[in-house]
PDB file of N, CA and C in Angstrom:
ATOM      1  N   MET A   1      -9.888  -7.248 -28.433  1.00  0.00           N
ATOM      2  CA  MET A   1      -8.866  -7.419 -27.421  1.00  0.00           C
ATOM      3  C   MET A   1      -8.257  -6.077 -27.050  1.00  0.00           C
ATOM      4  N   GLY A   2      -9.058  -5.163 -26.527  1.00  0.00           N
ATOM      5  CA  GLY A   2      -8.562  -3.855 -26.116  1.00  0.00           C
ATOM      6  C   GLY A   2      -8.351  -3.806 -24.615  1.00  0.00           C
ATOM      7  N   LEU A   3      -8.059  -2.633 -24.153  1.00  0.00           N
ATOM      8  CA  LEU A   3      -7.883  -2.431 -22.718  1.00  0.00           C
ATOM      9  C   LEU A   3      -9.230  -2.463 -22.014  1.00  0.00           C
ATOM     10  N   SER A   4      -9.226  -3.012 -20.807  1.00  0.00           N
ATOM     11  CA  SER A   4     -10.457  -3.002 -20.020  1.00  0.00           C
ATOM     12  C   SER A   4     -10.615  -1.621 -19.366  1.00  0.00           C
ATOM     13  N   ALA A   5     -11.828  -1.292 -18.969  1.00  0.00           N
ATOM     14  CA  ALA A   5     -12.096   0.001 -18.333  1.00  0.00           C
ATOM     15  C   ALA A   5     -11.324   0.117 -17.024  1.00  0.00           C
ATOM     16  N   PHE A   6     -10.824   1.322 -16.742  1.00  0.00           N
ATOM     17  CA  PHE A   6     -10.084   1.555 -15.502  1.00  0.00           C
ATOM     18  C   PHE A   6     -11.059   1.701 -14.344  1.00  0.00           C
ATOM     19  N   ASN A   7     -10.945   0.808 -13.360  1.00  0.00           N
ATOM     20  CA  ASN A   7     -11.815   0.830 -12.187  1.00  0.00           C
ATOM     21  C   ASN A   7     -11.017   1.012 -10.904  1.00  0.00           C
ATOM     22  N   GLY A   8      -9.853   1.578 -11.007  1.00  0.00           N
ATOM     23  CA  GLY A   8      -8.999   1.764  -9.846  1.00  0.00           C
ATOM     24  C   GLY A   8      -7.750   0.904  -9.953  1.00  0.00           C
ATOM     25  N   THR A   9      -6.816   1.146  -9.068  1.00  0.00           N
ATOM     26  CA  THR A   9      -5.565   0.406  -9.064  1.00  0.00           C
ATOM     27  C   THR A   9      -5.790  -1.006  -8.557  1.00  0.00           C
ATOM     28  N   VAL A  10      -5.256  -1.973  -9.269  1.00  0.00           N
ATOM     29  CA  VAL A  10      -5.363  -3.377  -8.881  1.00  0.00           C
ATOM     30  C   VAL A  10      -4.020  -4.062  -9.081  1.00  0.00           C
ATOM     31  N   ILE A  11      -3.858  -5.196  -8.433  1.00  0.00           N
ATOM     32  CA  ILE A  11      -2.693  -6.053  -8.636  1.00  0.00           C
ATOM     33  C   ILE A  11      -3.163  -7.212  -9.487  1.00  0.00           C
ATOM     34  N   LYS A  12      -2.493  -7.420 -10.610  1.00  0.00           N
ATOM     35  CA  LYS A  12      -2.870  -8.519 -11.500  1.00  0.00           C
ATOM     36  C   LYS A  12      -1.710  -9.482 -11.624  1.00  0.00           C
ATOM     37  N   SER A  13      -2.033 -10.764 -11.681  1.00  0.00           N
ATOM     38  CA  SER A  13      -1.020 -11.790 -11.838  1.00  0.00           C
ATOM     39  C   SER A  13      -1.661 -13.011 -12.488  1.00  0.00           C
ATOM     40  N   VAL A  14      -0.840 -13.852 -13.060  1.00  0.00           N
ATOM     41  CA  VAL A  14      -1.316 -15.115 -13.613  1.00  0.00           C
ATOM     42  C   VAL A  14      -0.560 -16.224 -12.883  1.00  0.00           C
ATOM     43  N   ILE A  15      -1.322 -17.092 -12.229  1.00  0.00           N
ATOM     44  CA  ILE A  15      -0.740 -18.198 -11.470  1.00  0.00           C
ATOM     45  C   ILE A  15      -1.303 -19.485 -12.031  1.00  0.00           C
ATOM     46  N   ALA A  16      -0.433 -20.336 -12.533  1.00  0.00           N
ATOM     47  CA  ALA A  16      -0.832 -21.617 -13.119  1.00  0.00           C
ATOM     48  C   ALA A  16      -1.922 -21.430 -14.177  1.00  0.00           C
ATOM     49  N   GLY A  17      -1.790 -20.373 -14.983  1.00  0.00           N
ATOM     50  CA  GLY A  17      -2.744 -20.118 -16.048  1.00  0.00           C
ATOM     51  C   GLY A  17      -4.028 -19.439 -15.625  1.00  0.00           C
ATOM     52  N   LEU A  18      -4.184 -19.154 -14.348  1.00  0.00           N
ATOM     53  CA  LEU A  18      -5.388 -18.510 -13.820  1.00  0.00           C
ATOM     54  C   LEU A  18      -5.094 -17.042 -13.556  1.00  0.00           C
ATOM     55  N   GLU A  19      -5.856 -16.145 -14.171  1.00  0.00           N
ATOM     56  CA  GLU A  19      -5.643 -14.714 -13.966  1.00  0.00           C
ATOM     57  C   GLU A  19      -6.234 -14.287 -12.624  1.00  0.00           C
ATOM     58  N   ILE A  20      -5.417 -13.665 -11.805  1.00  0.00           N
ATOM     59  CA  ILE A  20      -5.813 -13.219 -10.466  1.00  0.00           C
ATOM     60  C   ILE A  20      -5.795 -11.691 -10.444  1.00  0.00           C
ATOM     61  N   THR A  21      -6.854 -11.085  -9.922  1.00  0.00           N
ATOM     62  CA  THR A  21      -6.927  -9.632  -9.761  1.00  0.00           C
ATOM     63  C   THR A  21      -7.267  -9.335  -8.309  1.00  0.00           C
ATOM     64  N   ILE A  22      -6.428  -8.529  -7.662  1.00  0.00           N
ATOM     65  CA  ILE A  22      -6.637  -8.160  -6.263  1.00  0.00           C
ATOM     66  C   ILE A  22      -6.831  -6.655  -6.208  1.00  0.00           C
ATOM     67  N   SER A  23      -7.928  -6.220  -5.604  1.00  0.00           N
ATOM     68  CA  SER A  23      -8.228  -4.790  -5.502  1.00  0.00           C
ATOM     69  C   SER A  23      -8.149  -4.320  -4.049  1.00  0.00           C
ATOM     70  N   LYS A  24      -8.287  -3.014  -3.885  1.00  0.00           N
ATOM     71  CA  LYS A  24      -8.309  -2.433  -2.543  1.00  0.00           C
ATOM     72  C   LYS A  24      -9.459  -3.010  -1.725  1.00  0.00           C
ATOM     73  N   ALA A  25     -10.565  -3.283  -2.371  1.00  0.00           N
ATOM     74  CA  ALA A  25     -11.736  -3.848  -1.684  1.00  0.00           C
ATOM     75  C   ALA A  25     -11.424  -5.227  -1.099  1.00  0.00           C
ATOM     76  N   HIS A  26     -10.610  -6.015  -1.793  1.00  0.00           N
ATOM     77  CA  HIS A  26     -10.225  -7.328  -1.272  1.00  0.00           C
ATOM     78  C   HIS A  26      -9.443  -7.184   0.040  1.00  0.00           C
ATOM     79  N   PHE A  27      -8.502  -6.239   0.059  1.00  0.00           N
ATOM     80  CA  PHE A  27      -7.723  -6.016   1.281  1.00  0.00           C
ATOM     81  C   PHE A  27      -8.619  -5.521   2.413  1.00  0.00           C
ATOM     82  N   ALA A  28      -9.548  -4.628   2.109  1.00  0.00           N
ATOM     83  CA  ALA A  28     -10.464  -4.111   3.127  1.00  0.00           C
ATOM     84  C   ALA A  28     -11.276  -5.243   3.744  1.00  0.00           C
ATOM     85  N   LYS A  29     -11.784  -6.131   2.903  1.00  0.00           N
ATOM     86  CA  LYS A  29     -12.581  -7.249   3.414  1.00  0.00           C
ATOM     87  C   LYS A  29     -11.709  -8.198   4.249  1.00  0.00           C
ATOM     88  N   LEU A  30     -10.509  -8.462   3.763  1.00  0.00           N
ATOM     89  CA  LEU A  30      -9.586  -9.342   4.485  1.00  0.00           C
ATOM     90  C   LEU A  30      -9.236  -8.789   5.863  1.00  0.00           C
ATOM     91  N   LEU A  31      -9.033  -7.472   5.936  1.00  0.00           N
ATOM     92  CA  LEU A  31      -8.654  -6.832   7.200  1.00  0.00           C
ATOM     93  C   LEU A  31      -9.854  -6.401   8.035  1.00  0.00           C
ATOM     94  N   ASP A  32     -11.069  -6.636   7.507  1.00  0.00           N
ATOM     95  CA  ASP A  32     -12.310  -6.274   8.186  1.00  0.00           C
ATOM     96  C   ASP A  32     -12.363  -4.780   8.520  1.00  0.00           C
ATOM     97  N   VAL A  33     -12.049  -3.958   7.504  1.00  0.00           N
ATOM     98  CA  VAL A  33     -12.126  -2.508   7.644  1.00  0.00           C
ATOM     99  C   VAL A  33     -12.957  -1.952   6.490  1.00  0.00           C
ATOM    100  N   LYS A  34     -13.381  -0.705   6.608  1.00  0.00           N
ATOM    101  CA  LYS A  34     -14.145  -0.069   5.534  1.00  0.00           C
ATOM    102  C   LYS A  34     -13.227   0.227   4.354  1.00  0.00           C
ATOM    103  N   ASP A  35     -13.771   0.096   3.153  1.00  0.00           N
ATOM    104  CA  ASP A  35     -13.019   0.381   1.931  1.00  0.00           C
ATOM    105  C   ASP A  35     -13.114   1.879   1.640  1.00  0.00           C
ATOM    106  N   GLN A  36     -12.364   2.656   2.386  1.00  0.00           N
ATOM    107  CA  GLN A  36     -12.349   4.102   2.205  1.00  0.00           C
ATOM    108  C   GLN A  36     -10.999   4.619   2.662  1.00  0.00           C
ATOM    109  N   GLY A  37     -10.716   5.830   2.328  1.00  0.00           N
ATOM    110  CA  GLY A  37      -9.460   6.435   2.742  1.00  0.00           C
ATOM    111  C   GLY A  37      -8.840   7.225   1.620  1.00  0.00           C
ATOM    112  N   LYS A  38      -7.686   7.763   1.892  1.00  0.00           N
ATOM    113  CA  LYS A  38      -6.999   8.598   0.928  1.00  0.00           C
ATOM    114  C   LYS A  38      -5.540   8.163   0.838  1.00  0.00           C
ATOM    115  N   SER A  39      -4.942   8.506  -0.257  1.00  0.00           N
ATOM    116  CA  SER A  39      -3.535   8.192  -0.487  1.00  0.00           C
ATOM    117  C   SER A  39      -2.696   9.432  -0.203  1.00  0.00           C
ATOM    118  N   ILE A  40      -1.517   9.230   0.327  1.00  0.00           N
ATOM    119  CA  ILE A  40      -0.648  10.369   0.638  1.00  0.00           C
ATOM    120  C   ILE A  40      -0.321  11.155  -0.627  1.00  0.00           C
ATOM    121  N   SER A  41      -0.321  10.489  -1.786  1.00  0.00           N
ATOM    122  CA  SER A  41      -0.022  11.193  -3.045  1.00  0.00           C
ATOM    123  C   SER A  41      -1.132  12.167  -3.439  1.00  0.00           C
ATOM    124  N   ASP A  42      -2.322  12.038  -2.841  1.00  0.00           N
ATOM    125  CA  ASP A  42      -3.411  12.983  -3.109  1.00  0.00           C
ATOM    126  C   ASP A  42      -3.125  14.365  -2.512  1.00  0.00           C
ATOM    127  N   TYR A  43      -2.147  14.441  -1.629  1.00  0.00           N
ATOM    128  CA  TYR A  43      -1.876  15.679  -0.890  1.00  0.00           C
ATOM    129  C   TYR A  43      -0.503  16.253  -1.214  1.00  0.00           C
ATOM    130  N   LYS A  44      -0.139  16.291  -2.471  1.00  0.00           N
ATOM    131  CA  LYS A  44       1.186  16.755  -2.879  1.00  0.00           C
ATOM    132  C   LYS A  44       1.505  18.155  -2.366  1.00  0.00           C
ATOM    133  N   SER A  45       0.541  19.054  -2.407  1.00  0.00           N
ATOM    134  CA  SER A  45       0.814  20.433  -2.003  1.00  0.00           C
ATOM    135  C   SER A  45       0.261  20.769  -0.618  1.00  0.00           C
ATOM    136  N   GLU A  46      -0.405  19.828   0.019  1.00  0.00           N
ATOM    137  CA  GLU A  46      -1.007  20.099   1.325  1.00  0.00           C
ATOM    138  C   GLU A  46      -0.180  19.433   2.429  1.00  0.00           C
ATOM    139  N   VAL A  47       0.776  20.179   2.934  1.00  0.00           N
ATOM    140  CA  VAL A  47       1.742  19.666   3.903  1.00  0.00           C
ATOM    141  C   VAL A  47       1.072  19.170   5.178  1.00  0.00           C
ATOM    142  N   TYR A  48       0.014  19.840   5.643  1.00  0.00           N
ATOM    143  CA  TYR A  48      -0.658  19.458   6.888  1.00  0.00           C
ATOM    144  C   TYR A  48      -1.122  18.002   6.836  1.00  0.00           C
ATOM    145  N   TYR A  49      -1.775  17.610   5.733  1.00  0.00           N
ATOM    146  CA  TYR A  49      -2.304  16.259   5.621  1.00  0.00           C
ATOM    147  C   TYR A  49      -1.186  15.229   5.462  1.00  0.00           C
ATOM    148  N   ARG A  50      -0.152  15.579   4.720  1.00  0.00           N
ATOM    149  CA  ARG A  50       0.988  14.669   4.557  1.00  0.00           C
ATOM    150  C   ARG A  50       1.620  14.403   5.928  1.00  0.00           C
ATOM    151  N   GLN A  51       1.764  15.444   6.742  1.00  0.00           N
ATOM    152  CA  GLN A  51       2.341  15.290   8.074  1.00  0.00           C
ATOM    153  C   GLN A  51       1.439  14.432   8.960  1.00  0.00           C
ATOM    154  N   SER A  52       0.130  14.606   8.851  1.00  0.00           N
ATOM    155  CA  SER A  52      -0.816  13.812   9.644  1.00  0.00           C
ATOM    156  C   SER A  52      -0.711  12.321   9.297  1.00  0.00           C
ATOM    157  N   ILE A  53      -0.594  12.043   8.014  1.00  0.00           N
ATOM    158  CA  ILE A  53      -0.466  10.649   7.573  1.00  0.00           C
ATOM    159  C   ILE A  53       0.847  10.066   8.075  1.00  0.00           C
ATOM    160  N   LYS A  54       1.925  10.828   7.995  1.00  0.00           N
ATOM    161  CA  LYS A  54       3.226  10.352   8.486  1.00  0.00           C
ATOM    162  C   LYS A  54       3.171  10.085   9.985  1.00  0.00           C
ATOM    163  N   LYS A  55       2.483  10.936  10.741  1.00  0.00           N
ATOM    164  CA  LYS A  55       2.352  10.730  12.189  1.00  0.00           C
ATOM    165  C   LYS A  55       1.612   9.441  12.493  1.00  0.00           C
ATOM    166  N   GLU A  56       0.623   9.101  11.655  1.00  0.00           N
ATOM    167  CA  GLU A  56      -0.149   7.870  11.849  1.00  0.00           C
ATOM    168  C   GLU A  56       0.686   6.642  11.524  1.00  0.00           C
ATOM    169  N   LEU A  57       1.484   6.708  10.478  1.00  0.00           N
ATOM    170  CA  LEU A  57       2.231   5.539  10.008  1.00  0.00           C
ATOM    171  C   LEU A  57       3.541   5.285  10.749  1.00  0.00           C
ATOM    172  N   TYR A  58       4.242   6.348  11.123  1.00  0.00           N
ATOM    173  CA  TYR A  58       5.624   6.209  11.611  1.00  0.00           C
ATOM    174  C   TYR A  58       5.800   6.606  13.070  1.00  0.00           C
ATOM    175  N   LEU A  59       6.744   5.929  13.720  1.00  0.00           N
ATOM    176  CA  LEU A  59       7.135   6.300  15.075  1.00  0.00           C
ATOM    177  C   LEU A  59       7.979   7.572  15.043  1.00  0.00           C
ATOM    178  N   TYR A  60       8.883   7.639  14.057  1.00  0.00           N
ATOM    179  CA  TYR A  60       9.782   8.785  13.909  1.00  0.00           C
ATOM    180  C   TYR A  60       9.607   9.344  12.502  1.00  0.00           C
ATOM    181  N   GLU A  61       9.043  10.532  12.401  1.00  0.00           N
ATOM    182  CA  GLU A  61       8.783  11.127  11.086  1.00  0.00           C
ATOM    183  C   GLU A  61      10.056  11.378  10.292  1.00  0.00           C
ATOM    184  N   SER A  62      11.159  11.587  10.985  1.00  0.00           N
ATOM    185  CA  SER A  62      12.414  11.850  10.280  1.00  0.00           C
ATOM    186  C   SER A  62      12.871  10.633   9.467  1.00  0.00           C
ATOM    187  N   LEU A  63      12.392   9.447   9.826  1.00  0.00           N
ATOM    188  CA  LEU A  63      12.758   8.227   9.100  1.00  0.00           C
ATOM    189  C   LEU A  63      11.627   7.753   8.187  1.00  0.00           C
ATOM    190  N   ALA A  64      10.697   8.639   7.854  1.00  0.00           N
ATOM    191  CA  ALA A  64       9.576   8.278   6.988  1.00  0.00           C
ATOM    192  C   ALA A  64      10.097   7.726   5.668  1.00  0.00           C
ATOM    193  N   GLY A  65       9.496   6.638   5.212  1.00  0.00           N
ATOM    194  CA  GLY A  65       9.931   5.983   3.982  1.00  0.00           C
ATOM    195  C   GLY A  65      10.686   4.697   4.248  1.00  0.00           C
ATOM    196  N   LYS A  66      11.047   4.443   5.492  1.00  0.00           N
ATOM    197  CA  LYS A  66      11.738   3.211   5.873  1.00  0.00           C
ATOM    198  C   LYS A  66      10.828   2.400   6.793  1.00  0.00           C
ATOM    199  N   SER A  67      10.738   1.104   6.535  1.00  0.00           N
ATOM    200  CA  SER A  67       9.822   0.272   7.310  1.00  0.00           C
ATOM    201  C   SER A  67      10.238   0.143   8.772  1.00  0.00           C
ATOM    202  N   LYS A  68      11.519   0.284   9.073  1.00  0.00           N
ATOM    203  CA  LYS A  68      11.961   0.114  10.464  1.00  0.00           C
ATOM    204  C   LYS A  68      11.395   1.194  11.391  1.00  0.00           C
ATOM    205  N   SER A  69      10.923   2.309  10.835  1.00  0.00           N
ATOM    206  CA  SER A  69      10.357   3.367  11.676  1.00  0.00           C
ATOM    207  C   SER A  69       8.827   3.348  11.710  1.00  0.00           C
ATOM    208  N   MET A  70       8.205   2.339  11.061  1.00  0.00           N
ATOM    209  CA  MET A  70       6.742   2.250  11.043  1.00  0.00           C
ATOM    210  C   MET A  70       6.211   1.684  12.362  1.00  0.00           C
ATOM    211  N   LYS A  71       4.972   2.018  12.681  1.00  0.00           N
ATOM    212  CA  LYS A  71       4.311   1.447  13.855  1.00  0.00           C
ATOM    213  C   LYS A  71       4.032  -0.031  13.592  1.00  0.00           C
ATOM    214  N   ASP A  72       3.924  -0.817  14.653  1.00  0.00           N
ATOM    215  CA  ASP A  72       3.817  -2.277  14.540  1.00  0.00           C
ATOM    216  C   ASP A  72       2.724  -2.752  13.590  1.00  0.00           C
ATOM    217  N   PHE A  73       1.522  -2.207  13.694  1.00  0.00           N
ATOM    218  CA  PHE A  73       0.414  -2.643  12.838  1.00  0.00           C
ATOM    219  C   PHE A  73       0.767  -2.462  11.368  1.00  0.00           C
ATOM    220  N   TYR A  74       1.328  -1.299  11.041  1.00  0.00           N
ATOM    221  CA  TYR A  74       1.626  -0.984   9.645  1.00  0.00           C
ATOM    222  C   TYR A  74       2.837  -1.770   9.137  1.00  0.00           C
ATOM    223  N   ILE A  75       3.778  -2.068  10.012  1.00  0.00           N
ATOM    224  CA  ILE A  75       4.934  -2.846   9.551  1.00  0.00           C
ATOM    225  C   ILE A  75       4.527  -4.280   9.230  1.00  0.00           C
ATOM    226  N   VAL A  76       3.605  -4.856   9.999  1.00  0.00           N
ATOM    227  CA  VAL A  76       3.116  -6.199   9.704  1.00  0.00           C
ATOM    228  C   VAL A  76       2.406  -6.206   8.361  1.00  0.00           C
ATOM    229  N   LEU A  77       1.525  -5.240   8.141  1.00  0.00           N
ATOM    230  CA  LEU A  77       0.817  -5.136   6.868  1.00  0.00           C
ATOM    231  C   LEU A  77       1.801  -4.927   5.718  1.00  0.00           C
ATOM    232  N   PHE A  78       2.778  -4.051   5.898  1.00  0.00           N
ATOM    233  CA  PHE A  78       3.791  -3.789   4.871  1.00  0.00           C
ATOM    234  C   PHE A  78       4.566  -5.059   4.538  1.00  0.00           C
ATOM    235  N   LYS A  79       4.981  -5.805   5.551  1.00  0.00           N
ATOM    236  CA  LYS A  79       5.759  -7.030   5.313  1.00  0.00           C
ATOM    237  C   LYS A  79       4.933  -8.078   4.568  1.00  0.00           C
ATOM    238  N   VAL A  80       3.655  -8.198   4.896  1.00  0.00           N
ATOM    239  CA  VAL A  80       2.786  -9.131   4.172  1.00  0.00           C
ATOM    240  C   VAL A  80       2.728  -8.725   2.701  1.00  0.00           C
ATOM    241  N   LEU A  81       2.517  -7.452   2.445  1.00  0.00           N
ATOM    242  CA  LEU A  81       2.419  -6.972   1.063  1.00  0.00           C
ATOM    243  C   LEU A  81       3.732  -7.147   0.303  1.00  0.00           C
ATOM    244  N   ILE A  82       4.831  -6.707   0.882  1.00  0.00           N
ATOM    245  CA  ILE A  82       6.105  -6.707   0.175  1.00  0.00           C
ATOM    246  C   ILE A  82       6.635  -8.121  -0.060  1.00  0.00           C
ATOM    247  N   ASN A  83       6.351  -9.036   0.853  1.00  0.00           N
ATOM    248  CA  ASN A  83       6.885 -10.388   0.714  1.00  0.00           C
ATOM    249  C   ASN A  83       5.983 -11.322  -0.076  1.00  0.00           C
ATOM    250  N   ASN A  84       4.726 -10.956  -0.254  1.00  0.00           N
ATOM    251  CA  ASN A  84       3.804 -11.878  -0.907  1.00  0.00           C
ATOM    252  C   ASN A  84       3.162 -11.354  -2.185  1.00  0.00           C
ATOM    253  N   LEU A  85       2.951 -10.063  -2.291  1.00  0.00           N
ATOM    254  CA  LEU A  85       2.151  -9.557  -3.401  1.00  0.00           C
ATOM    255  C   LEU A  85       2.860  -8.576  -4.314  1.00  0.00           C
ATOM    256  N   ILE A  86       3.700  -7.743  -3.763  1.00  0.00           N
ATOM    257  CA  ILE A  86       4.290  -6.658  -4.551  1.00  0.00           C
ATOM    258  C   ILE A  86       5.739  -7.002  -4.897  1.00  0.00           C
ATOM    259  N   PRO A  87       6.094  -6.987  -6.182  1.00  0.00           N
ATOM    260  CA  PRO A  87       7.489  -7.249  -6.545  1.00  0.00           C
ATOM    261  C   PRO A  87       8.401  -6.194  -5.945  1.00  0.00           C
ATOM    262  N   ARG A  88       9.565  -6.589  -5.544  1.00  0.00           N
ATOM    263  CA  ARG A  88      10.516  -5.661  -4.913  1.00  0.00           C
ATOM    264  C   ARG A  88      11.208  -4.799  -5.943  1.00  0.00           C
ATOM    265  N   GLY A  89      11.389  -3.542  -5.599  1.00  0.00           N
ATOM    266  CA  GLY A  89      12.068  -2.622  -6.498  1.00  0.00           C
ATOM    267  C   GLY A  89      13.286  -2.002  -5.862  1.00  0.00           C
ATOM    268  N   GLY A  90      13.660  -2.441  -4.695  1.00  0.00           N
ATOM    269  CA  GLY A  90      14.806  -1.900  -3.970  1.00  0.00           C
ATOM    270  C   GLY A  90      15.104  -2.827  -2.826  1.00  0.00           C
ATOM    271  N   GLY A  91      15.558  -2.270  -1.713  1.00  0.00           N
ATOM    272  CA  GLY A  91      15.804  -3.081  -0.536  1.00  0.00           C
ATOM    273  C   GLY A  91      14.493  -3.523   0.098  1.00  0.00           C
ATOM    274  N   THR A  92      14.575  -4.448   1.039  1.00  0.00           N
ATOM    275  CA  THR A  92      13.360  -4.956   1.670  1.00  0.00           C
ATOM    276  C   THR A  92      12.775  -3.982   2.681  1.00  0.00           C
ATOM    277  N   ASP A  93      13.516  -2.919   3.038  1.00  0.00           N
ATOM    278  CA  ASP A  93      12.977  -1.941   3.979  1.00  0.00           C
ATOM    279  C   ASP A  93      12.575  -0.637   3.305  1.00  0.00           C
ATOM    280  N   THR A  94      12.643  -0.586   1.977  1.00  0.00           N
ATOM    281  CA  THR A  94      12.323   0.622   1.251  1.00  0.00           C
ATOM    282  C   THR A  94      10.896   0.576   0.732  1.00  0.00           C
ATOM    283  N   ILE A  95      10.143   1.618   0.998  1.00  0.00           N
ATOM    284  CA  ILE A  95       8.785   1.713   0.508  1.00  0.00           C
ATOM    285  C   ILE A  95       8.836   2.396  -0.842  1.00  0.00           C
ATOM    286  N   SER A  96       8.422   1.700  -1.900  1.00  0.00           N
ATOM    287  CA  SER A  96       8.468   2.305  -3.217  1.00  0.00           C
ATOM    288  C   SER A  96       7.089   2.567  -3.756  1.00  0.00           C
TER     289      SER A  96
END
């Protein structure tokens, strides 16, 4: 009964005694997109890429980190995730 091998970040839950595991690949298939991309945290020291990602996600970069400034597509996806899959760690408009 040890730890399972790390195969990437997943969401795990137990519902009615059934263990559920949701991976990035599940979301890609659900949204009919390719399972590829990068995380903003991969670019800690590379400001150019962080700014590019913020431009893609937000209408106003000065409000980055708040859902009210996200573009429509991303706010819908964020609301689905925050209200159904990810436990809240702050306000409902805070990206944690």
